[in-house]
Amino acid sequence: MKETDITQNETEEARQPRGAGVKRVFAFVLLAVVVAVMLVVYFKGGSLTRRGFLQAWDAVTGRLSEAAFAFEPGFDSVFADLGGTIAAAGSAGVAVYGKTGDELARSGFSAQNPAIAASGGLAIAYDVGGKSVRIVNSAGEISVITLENRVVSCSVGHGGVFVICTDDSREYKGRARFYRLGSGVPELIYDWYSGEGYVLGAAVSYDGKRFAVTTLTARGGRIVLLDSDSTDAAGEYVSPEGAILEASFMRGGQLIARTASGITAIEPDGSGTVIYDLTGRTLDGYSHDGDSFLALHFTDSSGGMQGELVTIDLKGRGLGSIRTSRALVRLTASGDRVAALWSDGLDIYDKTLGQAASYPEASGAVCAFPRGGEAAVAMGSREGRAFVKRKD
């Protein structure tokens, strides 16, 4: 295992926005942390057994691994699919497991609110409110970044670029640090301080050249748009609907933001167009990780388990829609596939919601990742399983 420790000096030279020098208001900083904690709690998982994990990878590799295996990341585990390997973070640290269930790497740390962010074969494991993060790649190499301020959230883009958002102990209302993982060592490539608005999160475009920082201000939710080759903001978007729950760049470069009342496409200059109205609807599942489409699940206001699963393109046009009558556990999109994990099993759909496969054996799982075609990986509180629909 390769583990690199990098301590960040908070006194380093960095660009500071004009008009900062605002008094710190601790209530909003705490709110930022609480919002992040709520998101982590919503997506909590469990742990795996040795037997269950070996059976999982047997389904993918077609053979049973007899290698000794122990899964002990601690409680409240969260998972990330690194495109063939699995990263699992919990209260005792993070571990990476290969396709045969063998442990590739492990890094121990104590976490009260473990979280993990992943994309493009790279993951960041951290404790919301903690002061260090672990950067993990699919080969099992781990780098450690230690900070002086509390971590609010992390996000990973493609091409080895990632962002760490923290509170700030000085006159600013938060900080977003963007890194590139080159030759195994994280390099700080952009450093941004918020003078207006408490930093909640940030997103990185697929080419690693555009950034979007989400903040909470007196005016409501705000997104600051940045370019990697300029110290000046490229634009800003202020949500008329209130707090911005999340923002993400899609594969084609489009920036999509979600509020309680709608989904908005945001242009590079900060102008925004609502592409899908959520007013009056109860959204209990959402994924923006598909290629140029979004997946949503709504429950009916009348109560019960009746609902609707919907996919839309980036202009808000419907791609597919099916009525549902099962309790949704987790909705995840990847590539052109959607994994709908229900309380009684796992269904895999294409982006028009044509059903590709169904796995009732996944009942009881806490999260699932589509793997393309009919394949998927489901992670549970006691075991993990990989599913491949075999030919007769």
Protein backbone atom coordinates (compact mmCIF):
# COMPACT_ATOMS: atom_id res chain seq x y z
CA MET A 1 0.00 0.00 0.00
CA LYS A 2 1.26 3.45 -0.87
CA GLU A 3 0.13 6.19 1.50
CA THR A 4 1.24 9.81 1.19
CA ASP A 5 0.55 12.41 3.88
CA ILE A 6 0.26 16.04 2.86
CA THR A 7 -0.40 18.73 5.48
CA GLN A 8 -1.95 21.89 4.10
CA ASN A 9 -0.68 25.17 5.54
CA GLU A 10 -3.57 27.57 5.95
CA THR A 11 -1.21 30.58 5.67
CA GLU A 12 -0.20 29.79 2.05
CA GLU A 13 -0.57 32.51 -0.57
CA ALA A 14 -3.97 32.30 -2.20
CA ARG A 15 -6.31 34.52 -4.11
CA GLN A 16 -8.92 36.17 -1.94
CA PRO A 17 -12.16 37.60 -3.30
CA ARG A 18 -12.86 41.30 -3.08
CA GLY A 19 -15.29 42.52 -0.50
CA ALA A 20 -14.43 39.80 2.00
CA GLY A 21 -13.66 40.98 5.54
CA VAL A 22 -17.13 39.98 6.70
CA LYS A 23 -17.78 39.01 10.30
CA ARG A 24 -17.99 35.30 10.93
CA VAL A 25 -21.44 34.02 11.74
CA PHE A 26 -21.05 30.60 13.34
CA ALA A 27 -24.70 29.64 12.94
CA PHE A 28 -24.35 29.45 9.17
CA VAL A 29 -21.12 27.49 9.34
CA LEU A 30 -22.85 24.97 11.59
CA LEU A 31 -25.77 24.87 9.15
CA ALA A 32 -23.39 23.96 6.32
CA VAL A 33 -21.99 21.09 8.35
CA VAL A 34 -25.46 19.94 9.44
CA VAL A 35 -26.71 19.89 5.83
CA ALA A 36 -23.74 17.75 4.81
CA VAL A 37 -24.27 15.42 7.78
CA MET A 38 -27.93 14.97 6.82
CA LEU A 39 -26.90 13.91 3.32
CA VAL A 40 -24.42 11.41 4.74
CA VAL A 41 -26.98 9.96 7.14
CA TYR A 42 -29.44 9.54 4.27
CA PHE A 43 -26.98 7.44 2.27
CA LYS A 44 -25.53 5.34 5.12
CA GLY A 45 -24.75 1.71 4.49
CA GLY A 46 -23.46 -1.23 6.47
CA SER A 47 -20.68 -3.79 6.47
CA LEU A 48 -19.93 -6.93 4.48
CA THR A 49 -19.16 -10.51 5.42
CA ARG A 50 -16.17 -12.37 3.96
CA ARG A 51 -18.39 -15.08 2.46
CA GLY A 52 -20.81 -12.59 0.93
CA PHE A 53 -18.08 -10.53 -0.67
CA LEU A 54 -16.32 -13.56 -2.14
CA GLN A 55 -19.62 -14.72 -3.62
CA ALA A 56 -20.07 -11.24 -5.06
CA TRP A 57 -16.82 -11.24 -6.98
CA ASP A 58 -17.31 -14.86 -7.99
CA ALA A 59 -20.35 -13.71 -9.99
CA VAL A 60 -18.16 -11.27 -11.91
CA THR A 61 -14.99 -13.31 -12.39
CA GLY A 62 -16.64 -16.70 -12.85
CA ARG A 63 -14.44 -18.32 -10.21
CA LEU A 64 -14.35 -18.47 -6.43
CA SER A 65 -11.46 -16.80 -4.61
CA GLU A 66 -10.27 -18.62 -1.51
CA ALA A 67 -8.11 -15.70 -0.36
CA ALA A 68 -8.50 -14.73 3.29
CA PHE A 69 -10.69 -11.66 3.56
CA ALA A 70 -11.91 -9.49 6.40
CA PHE A 71 -14.13 -6.47 5.91
CA GLU A 72 -13.70 -4.15 8.86
CA PRO A 73 -14.07 -0.48 7.95
CA GLY A 74 -16.24 0.02 11.03
CA PHE A 75 -19.88 1.01 11.34
CA ASP A 76 -22.03 3.28 9.14
CA SER A 77 -20.18 2.24 5.99
CA VAL A 78 -20.58 4.03 2.67
CA PHE A 79 -19.41 2.65 -0.68
CA ALA A 80 -18.05 3.77 -4.03
CA ASP A 81 -17.65 1.84 -7.27
CA LEU A 82 -14.27 2.62 -8.85
CA GLY A 83 -14.97 0.75 -12.06
CA GLY A 84 -14.04 -2.77 -11.02
CA THR A 85 -12.86 -2.22 -7.47
CA ILE A 86 -14.90 -1.16 -4.45
CA ALA A 87 -13.95 1.47 -1.87
CA ALA A 88 -15.66 1.18 1.51
CA ALA A 89 -15.42 3.92 4.15
CA GLY A 90 -16.71 3.63 7.70
CA SER A 91 -16.17 4.76 11.24
CA ALA A 92 -12.74 3.06 11.38
CA GLY A 93 -11.29 4.12 8.03
CA VAL A 94 -11.32 3.24 4.35
CA ALA A 95 -10.42 0.04 2.49
CA VAL A 96 -10.21 -0.89 -1.19
CA TYR A 97 -11.08 -4.36 -2.49
CA GLY A 98 -10.20 -5.93 -5.84
CA LYS A 99 -12.30 -8.08 -8.16
CA THR A 100 -11.48 -11.29 -6.31
CA GLY A 101 -12.31 -9.82 -2.90
CA ASP A 102 -8.67 -9.26 -1.95
CA GLU A 103 -7.84 -6.18 0.08
CA LEU A 104 -5.70 -3.82 -1.99
CA ALA A 105 -5.22 -1.10 0.60
CA ARG A 106 -6.43 0.20 3.94
CA SER A 107 -6.06 3.48 5.81
CA GLY A 108 -7.38 3.86 9.33
CA PHE A 109 -9.01 6.97 10.73
CA SER A 110 -11.84 7.72 13.13
CA ALA A 111 -15.05 9.06 11.58
CA GLN A 112 -18.31 9.99 13.27
CA ASN A 113 -20.00 10.79 9.95
CA PRO A 114 -18.14 8.83 7.23
CA ALA A 115 -18.69 9.98 3.66
CA ILE A 116 -17.29 9.11 0.25
CA ALA A 117 -17.32 10.85 -3.13
CA ALA A 118 -16.19 9.16 -6.34
CA SER A 119 -15.92 9.57 -10.09
CA GLY A 120 -13.64 8.38 -12.88
CA GLY A 121 -11.88 5.71 -10.82
CA LEU A 122 -10.99 8.10 -7.97
CA ALA A 123 -12.64 8.38 -4.53
CA ILE A 124 -12.30 10.65 -1.51
CA ALA A 125 -13.17 9.21 1.90
CA TYR A 126 -13.67 11.66 4.76
CA ASP A 127 -15.45 12.49 7.98
CA VAL A 128 -17.96 15.33 7.71
CA GLY A 129 -16.70 17.85 10.25
CA GLY A 130 -13.27 16.17 10.42
CA LYS A 131 -9.93 17.59 9.35
CA SER A 132 -8.43 15.04 6.98
CA VAL A 133 -9.35 13.21 3.78
CA ARG A 134 -8.12 10.04 2.05
CA ILE A 135 -7.76 10.06 -1.73
CA VAL A 136 -8.09 6.53 -3.13
CA ASN A 137 -7.58 5.30 -6.70
CA SER A 138 -8.61 2.03 -8.31
CA ALA A 139 -5.11 0.59 -7.85
CA GLY A 140 -5.44 0.96 -4.09
CA GLU A 141 -2.99 3.84 -3.71
CA ILE A 142 -3.99 6.19 -0.88
CA SER A 143 -2.92 9.78 -0.25
CA VAL A 144 -3.79 11.68 2.93
CA ILE A 145 -4.43 15.42 3.11
CA THR A 146 -4.56 16.96 6.59
CA LEU A 147 -6.29 20.33 7.03
CA GLU A 148 -6.67 22.90 9.79
CA ASN A 149 -10.37 23.51 9.20
CA ARG A 150 -13.42 21.25 9.20
CA VAL A 151 -14.41 19.44 6.02
CA VAL A 152 -17.93 20.28 4.84
CA SER A 153 -17.97 18.21 1.64
CA CYS A 154 -15.82 16.77 -1.15
CA SER A 155 -16.41 16.13 -4.83
CA VAL A 156 -14.51 14.33 -7.59
CA GLY A 157 -14.36 15.18 -11.28
CA HIS A 158 -12.70 13.28 -14.12
CA GLY A 159 -9.03 13.49 -15.03
CA GLY A 160 -7.86 13.29 -11.42
CA VAL A 161 -9.30 16.67 -10.35
CA PHE A 162 -11.14 16.92 -7.03
CA VAL A 163 -12.28 19.58 -4.56
CA ILE A 164 -12.32 19.82 -0.77
CA CYS A 165 -14.72 22.33 0.81
CA THR A 166 -14.10 23.50 4.37
CA ASP A 167 -15.24 26.17 6.79
CA ASP A 168 -12.76 28.96 7.55
CA SER A 169 -11.45 30.17 10.89
CA ARG A 170 -10.77 33.72 9.70
CA GLU A 171 -13.02 36.39 8.22
CA TYR A 172 -14.21 34.25 5.32
CA LYS A 173 -17.29 32.07 5.10
CA GLY A 174 -15.71 29.01 3.62
CA ARG A 175 -13.06 27.76 1.26
CA ALA A 176 -12.92 25.49 -1.79
CA ARG A 177 -9.58 23.93 -2.72
CA PHE A 178 -9.21 22.23 -6.09
CA TYR A 179 -6.50 19.61 -6.62
CA ARG A 180 -5.14 17.49 -9.43
CA LEU A 181 -3.76 14.06 -8.62
CA GLY A 182 -0.60 13.96 -10.71
CA SER A 183 2.01 11.21 -10.34
CA GLY A 184 0.27 10.06 -7.15
CA VAL A 185 0.70 13.37 -5.28
CA PRO A 186 -2.21 15.85 -4.99
CA GLU A 187 -1.32 19.27 -6.40
CA LEU A 188 -3.30 22.37 -5.40
CA ILE A 189 -4.38 24.05 -8.67
CA TYR A 190 -7.02 26.55 -7.51
CA ASP A 191 -7.89 28.06 -4.14
CA TRP A 192 -11.08 30.05 -3.60
CA TYR A 193 -12.37 31.86 -0.51
CA SER A 194 -16.00 32.89 -0.07
CA GLY A 195 -16.70 36.42 1.11
CA GLU A 196 -20.45 36.09 0.57
CA GLY A 197 -22.13 32.84 1.40
CA TYR A 198 -21.22 29.80 3.40
CA VAL A 199 -19.68 27.09 1.23
CA LEU A 200 -21.78 23.92 1.02
CA GLY A 201 -20.21 22.09 -1.91
CA ALA A 202 -18.51 22.33 -5.28
CA ALA A 203 -18.44 20.56 -8.63
CA VAL A 204 -15.76 20.00 -11.29
CA SER A 205 -16.40 19.76 -15.04
CA TYR A 206 -15.35 16.62 -16.89
CA ASP A 207 -12.38 18.39 -18.50
CA GLY A 208 -11.26 19.73 -15.11
CA LYS A 209 -11.22 23.35 -16.31
CA ARG A 210 -14.49 24.72 -14.91
CA PHE A 211 -15.64 24.81 -11.30
CA ALA A 212 -18.93 25.61 -9.59
CA VAL A 213 -19.09 26.43 -5.86
CA THR A 214 -22.48 26.27 -4.10
CA THR A 215 -22.98 28.70 -1.22
CA LEU A 216 -25.75 29.75 1.15
CA THR A 217 -26.27 33.53 1.28
CA ALA A 218 -28.77 36.04 2.62
CA ARG A 219 -30.09 36.19 -0.97
CA GLY A 220 -30.65 32.45 -1.06
CA GLY A 221 -28.75 29.67 -2.81
CA ARG A 222 -25.86 30.89 -4.96
CA ILE A 223 -23.47 29.21 -7.40
CA VAL A 224 -20.18 30.92 -8.24
CA LEU A 225 -18.73 29.87 -11.61
CA LEU A 226 -14.94 29.74 -11.96
CA ASP A 227 -12.44 29.00 -14.73
CA SER A 228 -9.15 27.32 -13.90
CA ASP A 229 -7.16 29.87 -15.92
CA SER A 230 -8.67 33.01 -14.34
CA THR A 231 -8.73 34.47 -10.84
CA ASP A 232 -12.00 36.28 -11.53
CA ALA A 233 -15.41 34.65 -11.28
CA ALA A 234 -16.87 33.84 -14.69
CA GLY A 235 -20.41 34.38 -13.44
CA GLU A 236 -22.87 33.61 -10.69
CA TYR A 237 -26.33 32.15 -10.40
CA VAL A 238 -28.68 33.03 -7.54
CA SER A 239 -31.65 30.72 -7.07
CA PRO A 240 -35.02 32.48 -6.79
CA GLU A 241 -36.38 29.25 -5.24
CA GLY A 242 -34.11 29.29 -2.18
CA ALA A 243 -31.33 26.88 -1.16
CA ILE A 244 -29.57 24.87 -3.87
CA LEU A 245 -29.56 21.23 -2.80
CA GLU A 246 -26.90 20.11 -5.25
CA ALA A 247 -25.15 21.11 -8.46
CA SER A 248 -23.23 18.93 -10.89
CA PHE A 249 -21.54 19.05 -14.28
CA MET A 250 -22.78 16.56 -16.84
CA ARG A 251 -20.54 14.78 -19.32
CA GLY A 252 -21.26 17.28 -22.10
CA GLY A 253 -20.26 20.23 -19.89
CA GLN A 254 -23.76 21.32 -18.83
CA LEU A 255 -24.18 22.46 -15.24
CA ILE A 256 -27.39 21.24 -13.58
CA ALA A 257 -28.68 22.54 -10.23
CA ARG A 258 -31.50 21.13 -8.12
CA THR A 259 -33.70 22.99 -5.65
CA ALA A 260 -36.80 21.85 -3.81
CA SER A 261 -38.99 23.28 -6.58
CA GLY A 262 -37.13 22.52 -9.78
CA ILE A 263 -34.11 21.48 -11.84
CA THR A 264 -32.24 24.28 -13.60
CA ALA A 265 -29.70 24.27 -16.44
CA ILE A 266 -27.09 26.97 -15.81
CA GLU A 267 -25.08 28.63 -18.57
CA PRO A 268 -21.39 29.64 -18.22
CA ASP A 269 -22.41 33.28 -17.72
CA GLY A 270 -24.69 32.40 -14.77
CA SER A 271 -28.04 32.61 -16.53
CA GLY A 272 -30.40 29.76 -15.73
CA THR A 273 -33.41 28.04 -17.26
CA VAL A 274 -35.74 25.75 -15.32
CA ILE A 275 -35.94 22.51 -17.31
CA TYR A 276 -38.12 20.48 -14.94
CA ASP A 277 -40.68 21.64 -12.40
CA LEU A 278 -40.80 19.81 -9.07
CA THR A 279 -43.44 21.98 -7.44
CA GLY A 280 -45.96 19.97 -5.46
CA ARG A 281 -44.18 16.67 -6.02
CA THR A 282 -42.37 14.49 -3.45
CA LEU A 283 -38.96 13.53 -4.80
CA ASP A 284 -37.40 10.60 -2.93
CA GLY A 285 -34.80 9.48 -5.48
CA TYR A 286 -32.50 11.45 -7.80
CA SER A 287 -29.33 10.69 -9.78
CA HIS A 288 -27.35 12.92 -12.14
CA ASP A 289 -24.61 10.37 -12.88
CA GLY A 290 -26.01 9.06 -16.15
CA ASP A 291 -24.63 10.10 -19.54
CA SER A 292 -26.70 13.16 -20.53
CA PHE A 293 -29.82 12.21 -18.60
CA LEU A 294 -31.29 12.46 -15.11
CA ALA A 295 -33.24 9.83 -13.16
CA LEU A 296 -35.96 10.79 -10.66
CA HIS A 297 -38.44 8.91 -8.49
CA PHE A 298 -41.55 10.48 -7.00
CA THR A 299 -43.94 9.18 -4.38
CA ASP A 300 -47.61 10.07 -4.62
CA SER A 301 -48.88 12.70 -2.20
CA SER A 302 -51.71 10.34 -1.25
CA GLY A 303 -49.23 8.24 0.69
CA GLY A 304 -48.41 4.56 0.50
CA MET A 305 -45.83 3.18 -1.92
CA GLN A 306 -47.39 4.35 -5.16
CA GLY A 307 -45.04 6.45 -7.24
CA GLU A 308 -43.40 7.15 -10.59
CA LEU A 309 -39.90 6.56 -11.96
CA VAL A 310 -38.89 9.11 -14.60
CA THR A 311 -35.87 9.80 -16.82
CA ILE A 312 -35.36 13.12 -18.64
CA ASP A 313 -32.74 14.57 -20.96
CA LEU A 314 -30.85 17.80 -20.20
CA LYS A 315 -33.58 19.93 -21.74
CA GLY A 316 -36.20 18.40 -19.46
CA ARG A 317 -37.80 16.24 -22.13
CA GLY A 318 -39.11 12.88 -20.99
CA LEU A 319 -37.21 9.76 -21.99
CA GLY A 320 -39.15 7.21 -19.98
CA SER A 321 -41.76 6.89 -17.25
CA ILE A 322 -43.17 3.93 -15.32
CA ARG A 323 -45.57 3.68 -12.40
CA THR A 324 -44.16 2.03 -9.27
CA SER A 325 -45.68 0.42 -6.20
CA ARG A 326 -42.56 -0.49 -4.21
CA ALA A 327 -40.51 1.32 -1.58
CA LEU A 328 -37.38 2.87 -3.13
CA VAL A 329 -34.11 2.46 -1.23
CA ARG A 330 -31.63 4.03 -3.65
CA LEU A 331 -31.62 5.31 -7.24
CA THR A 332 -28.32 5.32 -9.15
CA ALA A 333 -27.55 6.07 -12.79
CA SER A 334 -24.32 5.30 -14.65
CA GLY A 335 -23.59 5.38 -18.37
CA ASP A 336 -26.89 4.56 -20.08
CA ARG A 337 -28.20 2.46 -17.19
CA VAL A 338 -30.37 3.08 -14.12
CA ALA A 339 -30.26 0.92 -10.99
CA ALA A 340 -33.44 1.14 -8.92
CA LEU A 341 -32.90 -0.58 -5.59
CA TRP A 342 -36.23 -1.42 -4.00
CA SER A 343 -36.89 -2.89 -0.58
CA ASP A 344 -37.62 -6.24 -2.26
CA GLY A 345 -34.95 -6.35 -4.97
CA LEU A 346 -32.93 -4.59 -7.67
CA ASP A 347 -34.04 -3.64 -11.18
CA ILE A 348 -31.74 -2.48 -13.98
CA TYR A 349 -33.19 -0.25 -16.72
CA ASP A 350 -31.89 1.52 -19.79
CA LYS A 351 -32.32 5.29 -19.92
CA THR A 352 -35.76 4.97 -21.54
CA LEU A 353 -36.73 2.71 -18.60
CA GLY A 354 -36.86 -0.46 -20.62
CA GLN A 355 -36.06 -3.18 -18.09
CA ALA A 356 -32.74 -4.95 -18.67
CA ALA A 357 -32.60 -7.22 -15.63
CA SER A 358 -34.21 -7.92 -12.25
CA TYR A 359 -32.49 -9.33 -9.17
CA PRO A 360 -34.80 -10.12 -6.24
CA GLU A 361 -31.73 -11.59 -4.51
CA ALA A 362 -30.62 -8.00 -3.78
CA SER A 363 -33.45 -7.55 -1.30
CA GLY A 364 -32.10 -5.94 1.85
CA ALA A 365 -29.20 -4.12 0.16
CA VAL A 366 -28.52 -0.47 1.00
CA CYS A 367 -27.01 0.73 -2.29
CA ALA A 368 -26.37 -0.56 -5.81
CA PHE A 369 -24.24 0.42 -8.79
CA PRO A 370 -25.10 -0.43 -12.41
CA ARG A 371 -22.13 -1.88 -14.28
CA GLY A 372 -23.39 -1.63 -17.86
CA GLY A 373 -25.57 -4.10 -19.73
CA GLU A 374 -27.36 -6.32 -17.23
CA ALA A 375 -24.63 -6.26 -14.56
CA ALA A 376 -24.77 -4.55 -11.19
CA VAL A 377 -23.18 -4.60 -7.75
CA ALA A 378 -25.34 -4.39 -4.61
CA MET A 379 -23.92 -3.64 -1.17
CA GLY A 380 -25.76 -4.59 2.01
CA SER A 381 -25.47 -4.41 5.75
CA ARG A 382 -24.18 -8.01 5.91
CA GLU A 383 -22.92 -8.90 2.46
CA GLY A 384 -22.19 -7.62 -1.00
CA ARG A 385 -23.18 -9.30 -4.25
CA ALA A 386 -22.43 -8.75 -7.91
CA PHE A 387 -25.08 -9.75 -10.41
CA VAL A 388 -24.54 -10.82 -14.00
CA LYS A 389 -27.41 -12.32 -15.99
CA ARG A 390 -25.79 -15.40 -17.49
CA LYS A 391 -26.69 -16.91 -20.85
CA ASP A 392 -28.30 -20.34 -20.83
